Amino acid sequence: MPELVQPSDTGDPLGPLPQEFAAIMRPELPSLIKEIGVEVTRAYPEYARLLNGPNGQAIRVGVEQSLASFVDLVAEPSTSTTLRDDMCRRFGRFEAYEGRSMETLQGAYRLGARVALRRAKKVGRTYSFSPTLMLSFADALFAYIDELESLSREGFLEVQSQSGEQSEAMRRRLLHLVLAGRPVPRTAIAELCEQTGWTLPEQVTLVAARAPAGLDRAGLDRDVLLDLSDPQPHLLIPGSLDEARRQMLERALLGTRAAIGLTVPTALASDSIRWARRVLELVDAGIIADAPLVRCEDHLITLWLLSDTALLDQLARRELAPIAGISTNRRERLIETLRVWLETRGTAAHMGELLDVHPQTVRYRIRNLETIFGAQLVDSESRFSTEAVLRALQLRERGTDVSL
């Protein structure tokens, strides 16, 4: 047991705690931290939600750091408090981002101090602390809590001093960095996340909106990032787009047409918005049916087949080379028959119904196709390539027909 120098009981002003006191306090920290956590979350349920959320571990580390720093200062008053100071300011900033006042955080600090004082009284009985020592401890503890509150208030006021316009600008910058992907430094994103109070998710869903985009910002969840000033307005929704999120988006868009990208890992956010914008282009071309909210998920094959129209032209030239020299009318009839045959593998009678021709005509055309294409219709890979080209051409022609 360390020898503890007791402050005198002569009525002198309270002085600093004896340095040996730290050795007695340090073993109590792990269980004390848990006890404070239980008491604080019971009194302030909002903190229970935060501790179980994505920032829970960071909050626990901050609490541990604050308590350990008090003990370190007792052991060595010249100990640096830089990390503790930064963590307390973060707590204040987080309260501001969450829309709370400082009262809740102050209450949590003071409740933690009362729990610590209760523990000190219990330990004091074991070590026969004098009343003066206990008073010195209480005085030092609440002075320390005042210091923590002051640091947190600095962070709180820092956020409040930023105008709404500045905050929106930072959130747009954050959105742009997420969409830029590599080689943007992770530290740049982490810094903006801290400044805006936004938690970087593991997955995101991007939404491309038509310009000019009308939007009820108040109707959006707070974690949605957006840039409506861009010529191609877009939004980022953390995680997947469940039914609640979809309804939120539908209400907030105020009738603006939009395309919902795929839910992807955050590092692939740029792919999600690229696909969503491509869907809007295909809607404009008449290839995909228009709707208030069009989901990329429903049109993946179309996106794939029409992802590179120049390459499609090259593939079509190669796959349909055997009939390139045939007259236009006959070539179109053979292409249509080949497409239906590859898609259905149906009988002549069934194909005749689809093509609106006699079954005998179907048989005649198929014999011609087998003669013209030869092994290309026998080899599975070649047959797949031909079918993919024909499907893509049909999709593209659908858009051409609408535009006419």
Foldseek 3Di string as FASTA:
>chain_A
DDDADADDPPPDPADAGALVVLVLCVVVLVVLLVVLVVVLCVVPVVVVVVLPDPCNVVVSVLSSLLVVVLSVCSNPVVDDCVVNLVSLLLLLLLCLLVVHDLVSVLVSLVSSLVSVLVVVVVVCVVVVHDPSNSVSVSVSSVVSSVVSSVSSVVSNVVLVPDDPVNLLVLLQVLVVLLLVFPPPDPVVNVVSCSSNVADQAFKKKKKWWAPQWQFDVVLADPNKRWDNPDNTTMIIDHDDCDPVNVVSVLVGRVQIAMEIFDIDGSSCRNVRVVLRVVVVVLCVLVLDPGDSYHYSVVVVLLCVLVVDVVVLVVLCCVLLVLCVPPDPVVSVVLLVLLLCCLVPVDQLPVSCVVVVHHSVVSVVSVVVVCVSNPCCCVDPVSSVSSNSSSVNVVSNVSSVVVVD
